[in-house]
Amino acid sequence: MELRTPPEPVCLRELAFIAEVKSEGFDRFPLHTLHPAYLPSYLWRHWGRVLRREGITWQLFLRLVCSQRENVYLWVVGRASWERLVKRIRDALAGVKMGVFPVGLD
């Protein structure tokens, strides 16, 4: 499955970072970044057509992206690059295609 790395959504990251600073750490990291209107929708706009052809629904994709909460957090706080986050999500998608589900998806 060919999924190109979309441009980094810098504005989304900055908004999430401001919310993270207010939340005082990962344990209280706001899930609004993972809300369907934010990161999952952004990625779906770029990858949805390919993913649908591969049998991955929006609902499954949303759950998969949400399972990557820690990786999203690392990206938001600048401890991981956009490319690393996208690779982790692509790896999880490849696992789903092979029948391996991230924790919480099985």
N, C-alpha and C. Protein backbone atom coordinates (compact mmCIF):
# COMPACT_ATOMS: atom_id res chain seq x y z
N MET A 1 0.87 -1.16 0.00
CA MET A 1 0.00 0.00 0.00
C MET A 1 0.91 1.22 0.00
N GLU A 2 0.72 2.08 -0.97
CA GLU A 2 1.55 3.28 -1.15
C GLU A 2 0.89 4.49 -0.50
N LEU A 3 1.44 4.89 0.64
CA LEU A 3 0.93 6.06 1.35
C LEU A 3 2.06 7.08 1.48
N ARG A 4 1.94 8.14 0.73
CA ARG A 4 2.96 9.19 0.79
C ARG A 4 2.81 10.01 2.07
N THR A 5 3.92 10.55 2.52
CA THR A 5 3.89 11.40 3.71
C THR A 5 3.29 12.75 3.32
N PRO A 6 2.15 13.09 3.91
CA PRO A 6 1.56 14.39 3.61
C PRO A 6 2.37 15.51 4.27
N PRO A 7 2.19 16.75 3.83
CA PRO A 7 2.88 17.86 4.49
C PRO A 7 2.51 17.90 5.98
N GLU A 8 3.47 18.28 6.78
CA GLU A 8 3.21 18.35 8.22
C GLU A 8 2.18 19.43 8.53
N PRO A 9 1.14 19.08 9.29
CA PRO A 9 0.12 20.08 9.66
C PRO A 9 0.61 20.91 10.86
N VAL A 10 1.47 21.87 10.57
CA VAL A 10 2.13 22.65 11.62
C VAL A 10 1.11 23.37 12.51
N CYS A 11 0.08 23.94 11.92
CA CYS A 11 -0.92 24.66 12.73
C CYS A 11 -1.60 23.71 13.71
N LEU A 12 -1.93 22.52 13.27
CA LEU A 12 -2.55 21.53 14.15
C LEU A 12 -1.60 21.18 15.29
N ARG A 13 -0.33 20.99 14.96
CA ARG A 13 0.66 20.66 15.99
C ARG A 13 0.79 21.80 17.00
N GLU A 14 0.82 23.02 16.52
CA GLU A 14 0.96 24.17 17.43
C GLU A 14 -0.25 24.29 18.35
N LEU A 15 -1.45 24.10 17.82
CA LEU A 15 -2.65 24.14 18.66
C LEU A 15 -2.62 23.03 19.71
N ALA A 16 -2.20 21.85 19.31
CA ALA A 16 -2.12 20.73 20.25
C ALA A 16 -1.05 20.99 21.30
N PHE A 17 0.05 21.62 20.89
CA PHE A 17 1.12 21.91 21.85
C PHE A 17 0.64 22.89 22.92
N ILE A 18 -0.09 23.90 22.50
CA ILE A 18 -0.63 24.86 23.47
C ILE A 18 -1.55 24.14 24.46
N ALA A 19 -2.38 23.24 23.95
CA ALA A 19 -3.28 22.48 24.83
C ALA A 19 -2.47 21.55 25.73
N GLU A 20 -1.38 20.98 25.23
CA GLU A 20 -0.54 20.08 26.02
C GLU A 20 0.10 20.84 27.17
N VAL A 21 0.59 22.04 26.92
CA VAL A 21 1.22 22.84 27.97
C VAL A 21 0.21 23.10 29.08
N LYS A 22 -1.02 23.37 28.70
CA LYS A 22 -2.07 23.61 29.70
C LYS A 22 -2.43 22.34 30.45
N SER A 23 -2.26 21.18 29.83
CA SER A 23 -2.66 19.92 30.46
C SER A 23 -1.61 19.36 31.41
N GLU A 24 -0.39 19.88 31.34
CA GLU A 24 0.70 19.49 32.24
C GLU A 24 1.12 18.04 32.10
N GLY A 25 1.33 17.59 30.88
CA GLY A 25 1.93 16.28 30.68
C GLY A 25 1.06 15.25 29.99
N PHE A 26 1.72 14.13 29.66
CA PHE A 26 1.09 13.07 28.86
C PHE A 26 -0.14 12.48 29.52
N ASP A 27 -0.10 12.27 30.83
CA ASP A 27 -1.24 11.64 31.50
C ASP A 27 -2.53 12.41 31.28
N ARG A 28 -2.40 13.72 31.12
CA ARG A 28 -3.58 14.54 30.89
C ARG A 28 -3.61 15.11 29.47
N PHE A 29 -2.80 14.51 28.59
CA PHE A 29 -2.71 14.99 27.21
C PHE A 29 -4.11 15.02 26.58
N PRO A 30 -4.50 16.17 26.09
CA PRO A 30 -5.86 16.29 25.54
C PRO A 30 -6.02 15.46 24.27
N LEU A 31 -7.09 14.73 24.24
CA LEU A 31 -7.34 13.89 23.07
C LEU A 31 -7.91 14.68 21.89
N HIS A 32 -8.06 15.99 22.03
CA HIS A 32 -8.66 16.74 20.92
C HIS A 32 -7.81 16.63 19.66
N THR A 33 -6.50 16.42 19.80
CA THR A 33 -5.66 16.24 18.62
C THR A 33 -6.10 15.00 17.85
N LEU A 34 -6.56 14.00 18.60
CA LEU A 34 -7.00 12.76 17.98
C LEU A 34 -8.48 12.78 17.62
N HIS A 35 -9.16 13.86 17.96
CA HIS A 35 -10.56 14.01 17.60
C HIS A 35 -10.67 13.88 16.07
N PRO A 36 -11.75 13.26 15.59
CA PRO A 36 -11.89 13.07 14.14
C PRO A 36 -11.72 14.33 13.31
N ALA A 37 -11.98 15.48 13.88
CA ALA A 37 -11.87 16.71 13.10
C ALA A 37 -10.42 17.16 12.92
N TYR A 38 -9.49 16.56 13.60
CA TYR A 38 -8.11 17.01 13.56
C TYR A 38 -7.20 16.03 12.82
N LEU A 39 -6.24 15.44 13.52
CA LEU A 39 -5.24 14.61 12.86
C LEU A 39 -5.82 13.45 12.05
N PRO A 40 -6.74 12.66 12.59
CA PRO A 40 -7.26 11.57 11.76
C PRO A 40 -7.90 12.07 10.45
N SER A 41 -8.66 13.15 10.52
CA SER A 41 -9.28 13.68 9.29
C SER A 41 -8.24 14.19 8.32
N TYR A 42 -7.22 14.83 8.85
CA TYR A 42 -6.15 15.34 7.99
C TYR A 42 -5.51 14.19 7.21
N LEU A 43 -5.16 13.14 7.93
CA LEU A 43 -4.53 12.00 7.26
C LEU A 43 -5.49 11.29 6.32
N TRP A 44 -6.75 11.17 6.72
CA TRP A 44 -7.75 10.51 5.87
C TRP A 44 -7.94 11.27 4.56
N ARG A 45 -7.89 12.58 4.62
CA ARG A 45 -8.01 13.37 3.38
C ARG A 45 -6.89 13.01 2.40
N HIS A 46 -5.73 12.69 2.91
CA HIS A 46 -4.59 12.34 2.05
C HIS A 46 -4.58 10.86 1.67
N TRP A 47 -5.02 10.00 2.54
CA TRP A 47 -4.88 8.56 2.34
C TRP A 47 -6.19 7.81 2.16
N GLY A 48 -7.31 8.44 2.40
CA GLY A 48 -8.59 7.73 2.43
C GLY A 48 -8.90 6.91 1.21
N ARG A 49 -8.65 7.46 0.05
CA ARG A 49 -8.97 6.73 -1.19
C ARG A 49 -8.21 5.41 -1.26
N VAL A 50 -6.92 5.45 -0.96
CA VAL A 50 -6.09 4.24 -0.99
C VAL A 50 -6.54 3.27 0.10
N LEU A 51 -6.78 3.80 1.29
CA LEU A 51 -7.17 2.93 2.41
C LEU A 51 -8.50 2.24 2.15
N ARG A 52 -9.47 2.96 1.59
CA ARG A 52 -10.76 2.34 1.27
C ARG A 52 -10.57 1.20 0.28
N ARG A 53 -9.72 1.40 -0.72
CA ARG A 53 -9.45 0.32 -1.69
C ARG A 53 -8.84 -0.90 -1.01
N GLU A 54 -8.10 -0.66 0.07
CA GLU A 54 -7.46 -1.75 0.81
C GLU A 54 -8.39 -2.36 1.87
N GLY A 55 -9.62 -1.85 1.95
CA GLY A 55 -10.59 -2.41 2.87
C GLY A 55 -10.54 -1.82 4.27
N ILE A 56 -9.83 -0.71 4.43
CA ILE A 56 -9.74 -0.06 5.74
C ILE A 56 -10.78 1.05 5.79
N THR A 57 -11.69 0.93 6.71
CA THR A 57 -12.77 1.90 6.85
C THR A 57 -12.31 3.10 7.67
N TRP A 58 -13.09 4.19 7.60
CA TRP A 58 -12.82 5.37 8.40
C TRP A 58 -12.82 5.00 9.89
N GLN A 59 -13.77 4.18 10.32
CA GLN A 59 -13.88 3.83 11.73
C GLN A 59 -12.64 3.08 12.21
N LEU A 60 -12.17 2.13 11.41
CA LEU A 60 -10.96 1.39 11.77
C LEU A 60 -9.75 2.32 11.78
N PHE A 61 -9.66 3.18 10.78
CA PHE A 61 -8.55 4.12 10.71
C PHE A 61 -8.54 5.05 11.92
N LEU A 62 -9.69 5.53 12.30
CA LEU A 62 -9.80 6.41 13.46
C LEU A 62 -9.31 5.69 14.72
N ARG A 63 -9.74 4.48 14.92
CA ARG A 63 -9.29 3.70 16.08
C ARG A 63 -7.79 3.46 16.04
N LEU A 64 -7.28 3.20 14.86
CA LEU A 64 -5.85 2.95 14.71
C LEU A 64 -5.04 4.20 15.05
N VAL A 65 -5.43 5.35 14.52
CA VAL A 65 -4.71 6.59 14.82
C VAL A 65 -4.78 6.89 16.31
N CYS A 66 -5.93 6.68 16.91
CA CYS A 66 -6.07 6.92 18.36
C CYS A 66 -5.20 5.97 19.17
N SER A 67 -4.91 4.78 18.64
CA SER A 67 -4.04 3.85 19.34
C SER A 67 -2.59 4.34 19.34
N GLN A 68 -2.30 5.33 18.53
CA GLN A 68 -0.96 5.89 18.43
C GLN A 68 -0.79 7.14 19.30
N ARG A 69 -1.59 7.24 20.34
CA ARG A 69 -1.61 8.44 21.20
C ARG A 69 -0.22 8.85 21.67
N GLU A 70 0.57 7.89 22.13
CA GLU A 70 1.91 8.22 22.64
C GLU A 70 2.78 8.81 21.53
N ASN A 71 2.71 8.23 20.33
CA ASN A 71 3.50 8.76 19.22
C ASN A 71 3.03 10.15 18.80
N VAL A 72 1.72 10.37 18.85
CA VAL A 72 1.18 11.70 18.56
C VAL A 72 1.70 12.69 19.59
N TYR A 73 1.68 12.31 20.84
CA TYR A 73 2.18 13.17 21.92
C TYR A 73 3.65 13.54 21.67
N LEU A 74 4.48 12.56 21.33
CA LEU A 74 5.90 12.83 21.08
C LEU A 74 6.08 13.81 19.92
N TRP A 75 5.25 13.70 18.91
CA TRP A 75 5.31 14.66 17.79
C TRP A 75 4.89 16.05 18.25
N VAL A 76 3.81 16.13 19.01
CA VAL A 76 3.29 17.42 19.46
C VAL A 76 4.33 18.18 20.29
N VAL A 77 5.03 17.46 21.17
CA VAL A 77 5.99 18.14 22.06
C VAL A 77 7.38 18.25 21.44
N GLY A 78 7.53 17.83 20.18
CA GLY A 78 8.79 18.01 19.48
C GLY A 78 9.84 16.95 19.76
N ARG A 79 9.44 15.83 20.34
CA ARG A 79 10.40 14.76 20.62
C ARG A 79 10.41 13.69 19.53
N ALA A 80 9.55 13.85 18.54
CA ALA A 80 9.53 12.96 17.38
C ALA A 80 9.17 13.80 16.16
N SER A 81 9.73 13.45 15.04
CA SER A 81 9.44 14.18 13.80
C SER A 81 8.10 13.75 13.22
N TRP A 82 7.59 14.57 12.33
CA TRP A 82 6.37 14.24 11.59
C TRP A 82 6.59 12.94 10.81
N GLU A 83 7.76 12.81 10.20
CA GLU A 83 8.05 11.61 9.42
C GLU A 83 8.01 10.36 10.29
N ARG A 84 8.52 10.46 11.53
CA ARG A 84 8.48 9.31 12.44
C ARG A 84 7.04 8.96 12.80
N LEU A 85 6.24 9.97 13.11
CA LEU A 85 4.84 9.70 13.45
C LEU A 85 4.12 9.03 12.29
N VAL A 86 4.29 9.56 11.10
CA VAL A 86 3.63 9.00 9.92
C VAL A 86 4.10 7.56 9.68
N LYS A 87 5.40 7.31 9.88
CA LYS A 87 5.91 5.95 9.72
C LYS A 87 5.26 4.99 10.72
N ARG A 88 5.10 5.43 11.95
CA ARG A 88 4.47 4.58 12.97
C ARG A 88 3.02 4.26 12.58
N ILE A 89 2.32 5.25 12.06
CA ILE A 89 0.93 5.03 11.65
C ILE A 89 0.90 4.10 10.43
N ARG A 90 1.80 4.32 9.48
CA ARG A 90 1.86 3.43 8.31
C ARG A 90 2.19 2.00 8.73
N ASP A 91 3.13 1.85 9.68
CA ASP A 91 3.48 0.51 10.17
C ASP A 91 2.27 -0.17 10.81
N ALA A 92 1.51 0.59 11.59
CA ALA A 92 0.30 0.03 12.22
C ALA A 92 -0.71 -0.38 11.15
N LEU A 93 -0.84 0.43 10.11
CA LEU A 93 -1.75 0.09 9.01
C LEU A 93 -1.30 -1.18 8.31
N ALA A 94 0.00 -1.32 8.09
CA ALA A 94 0.53 -2.54 7.46
C ALA A 94 0.23 -3.75 8.33
N GLY A 95 0.36 -3.57 9.64
CA GLY A 95 0.05 -4.67 10.56
C GLY A 95 -1.40 -5.07 10.47
N VAL A 96 -2.29 -4.09 10.39
CA VAL A 96 -3.71 -4.38 10.26
C VAL A 96 -3.97 -5.20 9.00
N LYS A 97 -3.31 -4.83 7.93
CA LYS A 97 -3.48 -5.58 6.67
C LYS A 97 -3.02 -7.02 6.81
N MET A 98 -2.06 -7.26 7.73
CA MET A 98 -1.55 -8.62 7.96
C MET A 98 -2.28 -9.31 9.10
N GLY A 99 -3.30 -8.64 9.68
CA GLY A 99 -4.08 -9.23 10.75
C GLY A 99 -3.52 -8.98 12.14
N VAL A 100 -2.54 -8.07 12.25
CA VAL A 100 -1.97 -7.73 13.55
C VAL A 100 -2.52 -6.39 13.96
N PHE A 101 -3.27 -6.36 15.06
CA PHE A 101 -3.92 -5.13 15.49
C PHE A 101 -3.18 -4.53 16.67
N PRO A 102 -3.00 -3.20 16.67
CA PRO A 102 -2.40 -2.55 17.84
C PRO A 102 -3.28 -2.78 19.07
N VAL A 103 -2.68 -2.70 20.22
CA VAL A 103 -3.41 -2.89 21.48
C VAL A 103 -4.65 -2.01 21.48
N GLY A 104 -5.76 -2.59 21.86
CA GLY A 104 -7.01 -1.84 21.92
C GLY A 104 -7.85 -1.94 20.66
N LEU A 105 -7.30 -2.53 19.61
CA LEU A 105 -8.08 -2.66 18.36
C LEU A 105 -8.60 -4.07 18.14
N ASP A 106 -8.10 -5.03 18.90
CA ASP A 106 -8.54 -6.40 18.63
C ASP A 106 -9.83 -6.75 19.30
